Amino acid sequence: MVDLLRSIPGIGLLEAKILIVELVDMERFGTVGLMHSFLGLTPSVYASEDTGIIKRHNSFLRPILIQAA
């Protein structure tokens, strides 16, 4: 799994291991939308917020995914 994740540009060894640990059982989310909410990549419904994405997120994963992008 680590080698597969490392084949994605921007994902190194540490990032791959963190992704595996934090997303161990992906079936627990049920839908892709719930996983996006967990990651903090869901757009905010309020236009007045600074970031445009929800403030609730996994404190490890969202920064890693943003940096990798």
PDB file of N, CA and C in Angstrom:
ATOM      1  N   MET A   1       0.826  -1.188   0.000  1.00  0.00           N
ATOM      2  CA  MET A   1       0.000   0.000   0.000  1.00  0.00           C
ATOM      3  C   MET A   1       0.873   1.255   0.000  1.00  0.00           C
ATOM      4  N   VAL A   2       1.954   1.226   0.767  1.00  0.00           N
ATOM      5  CA  VAL A   2       2.850   2.381   0.820  1.00  0.00           C
ATOM      6  C   VAL A   2       3.452   2.650  -0.553  1.00  0.00           C
ATOM      7  N   ASP A   3       3.892   1.602  -1.240  1.00  0.00           N
ATOM      8  CA  ASP A   3       4.482   1.781  -2.571  1.00  0.00           C
ATOM      9  C   ASP A   3       3.460   2.337  -3.561  1.00  0.00           C
ATOM     10  N   LEU A   4       2.230   1.896  -3.451  1.00  0.00           N
ATOM     11  CA  LEU A   4       1.176   2.399  -4.334  1.00  0.00           C
ATOM     12  C   LEU A   4       0.922   3.882  -4.085  1.00  0.00           C
ATOM     13  N   LEU A   5       0.843   4.282  -2.831  1.00  0.00           N
ATOM     14  CA  LEU A   5       0.637   5.694  -2.510  1.00  0.00           C
ATOM     15  C   LEU A   5       1.837   6.544  -2.909  1.00  0.00           C
ATOM     16  N   ARG A   6       3.036   6.002  -2.750  1.00  0.00           N
ATOM     17  CA  ARG A   6       4.243   6.757  -3.115  1.00  0.00           C
ATOM     18  C   ARG A   6       4.372   6.949  -4.615  1.00  0.00           C
ATOM     19  N   SER A   7       3.630   6.188  -5.394  1.00  0.00           N
ATOM     20  CA  SER A   7       3.665   6.374  -6.847  1.00  0.00           C
ATOM     21  C   SER A   7       2.889   7.626  -7.266  1.00  0.00           C
ATOM     22  N   ILE A   8       2.147   8.215  -6.350  1.00  0.00           N
ATOM     23  CA  ILE A   8       1.425   9.461  -6.617  1.00  0.00           C
ATOM     24  C   ILE A   8       2.400  10.626  -6.437  1.00  0.00           C
ATOM     25  N   PRO A   9       2.526  11.491  -7.440  1.00  0.00           N
ATOM     26  CA  PRO A   9       3.439  12.629  -7.295  1.00  0.00           C
ATOM     27  C   PRO A   9       3.073  13.493  -6.090  1.00  0.00           C
ATOM     28  N   GLY A  10       4.073  13.832  -5.280  1.00  0.00           N
ATOM     29  CA  GLY A  10       3.856  14.664  -4.106  1.00  0.00           C
ATOM     30  C   GLY A  10       3.679  13.888  -2.817  1.00  0.00           C
ATOM     31  N   ILE A  11       3.522  12.562  -2.906  1.00  0.00           N
ATOM     32  CA  ILE A  11       3.350  11.723  -1.718  1.00  0.00           C
ATOM     33  C   ILE A  11       4.655  10.981  -1.457  1.00  0.00           C
ATOM     34  N   GLY A  12       5.258  11.255  -0.309  1.00  0.00           N
ATOM     35  CA  GLY A  12       6.492  10.582   0.090  1.00  0.00           C
ATOM     36  C   GLY A  12       6.206   9.480   1.086  1.00  0.00           C
ATOM     37  N   LEU A  13       7.252   8.950   1.674  1.00  0.00           N
ATOM     38  CA  LEU A  13       7.116   7.838   2.619  1.00  0.00           C
ATOM     39  C   LEU A  13       6.308   8.238   3.850  1.00  0.00           C
ATOM     40  N   LEU A  14       6.611   9.371   4.441  1.00  0.00           N
ATOM     41  CA  LEU A  14       5.908   9.815   5.641  1.00  0.00           C
ATOM     42  C   LEU A  14       4.431  10.090   5.347  1.00  0.00           C
ATOM     43  N   GLU A  15       4.165  10.783   4.250  1.00  0.00           N
ATOM     44  CA  GLU A  15       2.784  11.097   3.887  1.00  0.00           C
ATOM     45  C   GLU A  15       1.977   9.827   3.627  1.00  0.00           C
ATOM     46  N   ALA A  16       2.587   8.858   2.940  1.00  0.00           N
ATOM     47  CA  ALA A  16       1.902   7.594   2.656  1.00  0.00           C
ATOM     48  C   ALA A  16       1.551   6.859   3.946  1.00  0.00           C
ATOM     49  N   LYS A  17       2.472   6.831   4.890  1.00  0.00           N
ATOM     50  CA  LYS A  17       2.213   6.142   6.156  1.00  0.00           C
ATOM     51  C   LYS A  17       1.130   6.847   6.965  1.00  0.00           C
ATOM     52  N   ILE A  18       1.134   8.167   6.955  1.00  0.00           N
ATOM     53  CA  ILE A  18       0.094   8.905   7.672  1.00  0.00           C
ATOM     54  C   ILE A  18      -1.270   8.657   7.037  1.00  0.00           C
ATOM     55  N   LEU A  19      -1.339   8.655   5.724  1.00  0.00           N
ATOM     56  CA  LEU A  19      -2.604   8.379   5.041  1.00  0.00           C
ATOM     57  C   LEU A  19      -3.135   6.995   5.401  1.00  0.00           C
ATOM     58  N   ILE A  20      -2.262   6.015   5.434  1.00  0.00           N
ATOM     59  CA  ILE A  20      -2.688   4.652   5.769  1.00  0.00           C
ATOM     60  C   ILE A  20      -3.188   4.580   7.202  1.00  0.00           C
ATOM     61  N   VAL A  21      -2.483   5.195   8.130  1.00  0.00           N
ATOM     62  CA  VAL A  21      -2.872   5.140   9.542  1.00  0.00           C
ATOM     63  C   VAL A  21      -4.191   5.873   9.780  1.00  0.00           C
ATOM     64  N   GLU A  22      -4.363   7.033   9.181  1.00  0.00           N
ATOM     65  CA  GLU A  22      -5.560   7.832   9.426  1.00  0.00           C
ATOM     66  C   GLU A  22      -6.790   7.306   8.682  1.00  0.00           C
ATOM     67  N   LEU A  23      -6.594   6.659   7.547  1.00  0.00           N
ATOM     68  CA  LEU A  23      -7.725   6.161   6.753  1.00  0.00           C
ATOM     69  C   LEU A  23      -7.761   4.638   6.745  1.00  0.00           C
ATOM     70  N   VAL A  24      -7.490   4.015   7.875  1.00  0.00           N
ATOM     71  CA  VAL A  24      -7.364   2.557   7.980  1.00  0.00           C
ATOM     72  C   VAL A  24      -8.549   1.838   7.345  1.00  0.00           C
ATOM     73  N   ASP A  25      -9.729   2.102   7.806  1.00  0.00           N
ATOM     74  CA  ASP A  25     -10.923   1.417   7.315  1.00  0.00           C
ATOM     75  C   ASP A  25     -11.785   2.410   6.547  1.00  0.00           C
ATOM     76  N   MET A  26     -11.611   2.484   5.247  1.00  0.00           N
ATOM     77  CA  MET A  26     -12.339   3.475   4.448  1.00  0.00           C
ATOM     78  C   MET A  26     -13.826   3.150   4.328  1.00  0.00           C
ATOM     79  N   GLU A  27     -14.219   1.919   4.596  1.00  0.00           N
ATOM     80  CA  GLU A  27     -15.634   1.546   4.519  1.00  0.00           C
ATOM     81  C   GLU A  27     -16.453   2.197   5.627  1.00  0.00           C
ATOM     82  N   ARG A  28     -15.804   2.706   6.661  1.00  0.00           N
ATOM     83  CA  ARG A  28     -16.533   3.342   7.763  1.00  0.00           C
ATOM     84  C   ARG A  28     -17.206   4.631   7.329  1.00  0.00           C
ATOM     85  N   PHE A  29     -16.745   5.227   6.224  1.00  0.00           N
ATOM     86  CA  PHE A  29     -17.320   6.488   5.768  1.00  0.00           C
ATOM     87  C   PHE A  29     -18.645   6.286   5.045  1.00  0.00           C
ATOM     88  N   GLY A  30     -18.816   5.186   4.369  1.00  0.00           N
ATOM     89  CA  GLY A  30     -20.077   4.926   3.679  1.00  0.00           C
ATOM     90  C   GLY A  30     -20.162   5.592   2.311  1.00  0.00           C
ATOM     91  N   THR A  31     -19.884   6.875   2.238  1.00  0.00           N
ATOM     92  CA  THR A  31     -19.917   7.589   0.965  1.00  0.00           C
ATOM     93  C   THR A  31     -18.645   8.418   0.807  1.00  0.00           C
ATOM     94  N   VAL A  32     -18.373   8.806  -0.422  1.00  0.00           N
ATOM     95  CA  VAL A  32     -17.203   9.640  -0.695  1.00  0.00           C
ATOM     96  C   VAL A  32     -17.366  11.000  -0.037  1.00  0.00           C
ATOM     97  N   GLY A  33     -18.600  11.510   0.015  1.00  0.00           N
ATOM     98  CA  GLY A  33     -18.860  12.807   0.641  1.00  0.00           C
ATOM     99  C   GLY A  33     -18.491  12.834   2.116  1.00  0.00           C
ATOM    100  N   LEU A  34     -18.764  11.739   2.814  1.00  0.00           N
ATOM    101  CA  LEU A  34     -18.391  11.663   4.230  1.00  0.00           C
ATOM    102  C   LEU A  34     -16.877  11.637   4.413  1.00  0.00           C
ATOM    103  N   MET A  35     -16.187  10.963   3.492  1.00  0.00           N
ATOM    104  CA  MET A  35     -14.730  10.951   3.573  1.00  0.00           C
ATOM    105  C   MET A  35     -14.170  12.343   3.285  1.00  0.00           C
ATOM    106  N   HIS A  36     -14.742  13.048   2.320  1.00  0.00           N
ATOM    107  CA  HIS A  36     -14.307  14.414   2.030  1.00  0.00           C
ATOM    108  C   HIS A  36     -14.516  15.314   3.244  1.00  0.00           C
ATOM    109  N   SER A  37     -15.616  15.141   3.939  1.00  0.00           N
ATOM    110  CA  SER A  37     -15.863  15.926   5.145  1.00  0.00           C
ATOM    111  C   SER A  37     -14.823  15.623   6.218  1.00  0.00           C
ATOM    112  N   PHE A  38     -14.475  14.348   6.378  1.00  0.00           N
ATOM    113  CA  PHE A  38     -13.456  13.954   7.346  1.00  0.00           C
ATOM    114  C   PHE A  38     -12.111  14.589   7.014  1.00  0.00           C
ATOM    115  N   LEU A  39     -11.781  14.631   5.741  1.00  0.00           N
ATOM    116  CA  LEU A  39     -10.510  15.206   5.308  1.00  0.00           C
ATOM    117  C   LEU A  39     -10.503  16.722   5.393  1.00  0.00           C
ATOM    118  N   GLY A  40     -11.691  17.328   5.408  1.00  0.00           N
ATOM    119  CA  GLY A  40     -11.774  18.783   5.459  1.00  0.00           C
ATOM    120  C   GLY A  40     -11.700  19.412   4.095  1.00  0.00           C
ATOM    121  N   LEU A  41     -12.054  18.672   3.063  1.00  0.00           N
ATOM    122  CA  LEU A  41     -11.983  19.183   1.697  1.00  0.00           C
ATOM    123  C   LEU A  41     -13.351  19.542   1.131  1.00  0.00           C
ATOM    124  N   THR A  42     -14.353  19.625   1.988  1.00  0.00           N
ATOM    125  CA  THR A  42     -15.700  19.966   1.564  1.00  0.00           C
ATOM    126  C   THR A  42     -15.870  21.479   1.564  1.00  0.00           C
ATOM    127  N   PRO A  43     -16.443  22.046   0.496  1.00  0.00           N
ATOM    128  CA  PRO A  43     -16.646  23.501   0.467  1.00  0.00           C
ATOM    129  C   PRO A  43     -17.581  23.955   1.579  1.00  0.00           C
ATOM    130  N   SER A  44     -17.347  25.137   2.071  1.00  0.00           N
ATOM    131  CA  SER A  44     -18.192  25.717   3.106  1.00  0.00           C
ATOM    132  C   SER A  44     -19.462  26.260   2.482  1.00  0.00           C
ATOM    133  N   VAL A  45     -20.554  26.219   3.222  1.00  0.00           N
ATOM    134  CA  VAL A  45     -21.817  26.747   2.705  1.00  0.00           C
ATOM    135  C   VAL A  45     -21.959  28.232   2.985  1.00  0.00           C
ATOM    136  N   TYR A  46     -21.059  28.791   3.782  1.00  0.00           N
ATOM    137  CA  TYR A  46     -21.112  30.207   4.116  1.00  0.00           C
ATOM    138  C   TYR A  46     -20.094  30.973   3.283  1.00  0.00           C
ATOM    139  N   ALA A  47     -20.539  31.988   2.580  1.00  0.00           N
ATOM    140  CA  ALA A  47     -19.648  32.746   1.706  1.00  0.00           C
ATOM    141  C   ALA A  47     -18.725  33.663   2.489  1.00  0.00           C
ATOM    142  N   SER A  48     -19.030  33.932   3.761  1.00  0.00           N
ATOM    143  CA  SER A  48     -18.251  34.891   4.527  1.00  0.00           C
ATOM    144  C   SER A  48     -16.964  34.303   5.111  1.00  0.00           C
ATOM    145  N   GLU A  49     -16.786  32.993   5.021  1.00  0.00           N
ATOM    146  CA  GLU A  49     -15.578  32.387   5.573  1.00  0.00           C
ATOM    147  C   GLU A  49     -14.384  32.667   4.679  1.00  0.00           C
ATOM    148  N   ASP A  50     -13.203  32.741   5.288  1.00  0.00           N
ATOM    149  CA  ASP A  50     -11.992  33.086   4.556  1.00  0.00           C
ATOM    150  C   ASP A  50     -11.541  32.009   3.579  1.00  0.00           C
ATOM    151  N   THR A  51     -11.543  30.744   4.021  1.00  0.00           N
ATOM    152  CA  THR A  51     -10.918  29.693   3.240  1.00  0.00           C
ATOM    153  C   THR A  51     -11.821  29.125   2.152  1.00  0.00           C
ATOM    154  N   GLY A  52     -13.111  29.158   2.348  1.00  0.00           N
ATOM    155  CA  GLY A  52     -14.009  28.544   1.392  1.00  0.00           C
ATOM    156  C   GLY A  52     -14.196  27.055   1.603  1.00  0.00           C
ATOM    157  N   ILE A  53     -13.460  26.458   2.569  1.00  0.00           N
ATOM    158  CA  ILE A  53     -13.652  25.064   2.926  1.00  0.00           C
ATOM    159  C   ILE A  53     -13.955  24.992   4.411  1.00  0.00           C
ATOM    160  N   ILE A  54     -14.583  23.898   4.828  1.00  0.00           N
ATOM    161  CA  ILE A  54     -15.011  23.801   6.216  1.00  0.00           C
ATOM    162  C   ILE A  54     -13.828  23.858   7.170  1.00  0.00           C
ATOM    163  N   LYS A  55     -14.080  24.363   8.361  1.00  0.00           N
ATOM    164  CA  LYS A  55     -13.007  24.496   9.354  1.00  0.00           C
ATOM    165  C   LYS A  55     -12.762  23.194  10.104  1.00  0.00           C
ATOM    166  N   ARG A  56     -13.772  22.315  10.167  1.00  0.00           N
ATOM    167  CA  ARG A  56     -13.585  21.024  10.829  1.00  0.00           C
ATOM    168  C   ARG A  56     -12.844  20.098   9.874  1.00  0.00           C
ATOM    169  N   HIS A  57     -11.776  19.511  10.341  1.00  0.00           N
ATOM    170  CA  HIS A  57     -11.006  18.614   9.496  1.00  0.00           C
ATOM    171  C   HIS A  57     -10.060  17.776  10.344  1.00  0.00           C
ATOM    172  N   ASN A  58      -9.497  16.782   9.716  1.00  0.00           N
ATOM    173  CA  ASN A  58      -8.466  15.979  10.354  1.00  0.00           C
ATOM    174  C   ASN A  58      -7.186  16.806  10.323  1.00  0.00           C
ATOM    175  N   SER A  59      -6.627  17.078  11.483  1.00  0.00           N
ATOM    176  CA  SER A  59      -5.491  17.998  11.575  1.00  0.00           C
ATOM    177  C   SER A  59      -4.214  17.464  10.934  1.00  0.00           C
ATOM    178  N   PHE A  60      -4.148  16.188  10.636  1.00  0.00           N
ATOM    179  CA  PHE A  60      -2.969  15.626   9.977  1.00  0.00           C
ATOM    180  C   PHE A  60      -3.137  15.550   8.465  1.00  0.00           C
ATOM    181  N   LEU A  61      -4.310  15.142   8.019  1.00  0.00           N
ATOM    182  CA  LEU A  61      -4.484  14.822   6.608  1.00  0.00           C
ATOM    183  C   LEU A  61      -4.649  16.025   5.687  1.00  0.00           C
ATOM    184  N   ARG A  62      -5.457  16.994   6.060  1.00  0.00           N
ATOM    185  CA  ARG A  62      -5.690  18.117   5.148  1.00  0.00           C
ATOM    186  C   ARG A  62      -4.403  18.861   4.797  1.00  0.00           C
ATOM    187  N   PRO A  63      -3.560  19.211   5.760  1.00  0.00           N
ATOM    188  CA  PRO A  63      -2.302  19.873   5.372  1.00  0.00           C
ATOM    189  C   PRO A  63      -1.407  19.022   4.471  1.00  0.00           C
ATOM    190  N   ILE A  64      -1.385  17.711   4.706  1.00  0.00           N
ATOM    191  CA  ILE A  64      -0.573  16.828   3.864  1.00  0.00           C
ATOM    192  C   ILE A  64      -1.118  16.796   2.443  1.00  0.00           C
ATOM    193  N   LEU A  65      -2.425  16.687   2.308  1.00  0.00           N
ATOM    194  CA  LEU A  65      -3.019  16.645   0.968  1.00  0.00           C
ATOM    195  C   LEU A  65      -2.853  17.968   0.237  1.00  0.00           C
ATOM    196  N   ILE A  66      -2.962  19.080   0.955  1.00  0.00           N
ATOM    197  CA  ILE A  66      -2.783  20.393   0.327  1.00  0.00           C
ATOM    198  C   ILE A  66      -1.330  20.567  -0.106  1.00  0.00           C
ATOM    199  N   GLN A  67      -0.390  20.170   0.724  1.00  0.00           N
ATOM    200  CA  GLN A  67       1.026  20.278   0.366  1.00  0.00           C
ATOM    201  C   GLN A  67       1.373  19.374  -0.815  1.00  0.00           C
ATOM    202  N   ALA A  68       0.804  18.183  -0.844  1.00  0.00           N
ATOM    203  CA  ALA A  68       1.083  17.250  -1.935  1.00  0.00           C
ATOM    204  C   ALA A  68       0.517  17.743  -3.259  1.00  0.00           C
ATOM    205  N   ALA A  69      -0.575  18.488  -3.180  1.00  0.00           N
ATOM    206  CA  ALA A  69      -1.192  18.985  -4.424  1.00  0.00           C
ATOM    207  C   ALA A  69      -0.306  20.032  -5.036  1.00  0.00           C
TER     208      ALA A  69
END
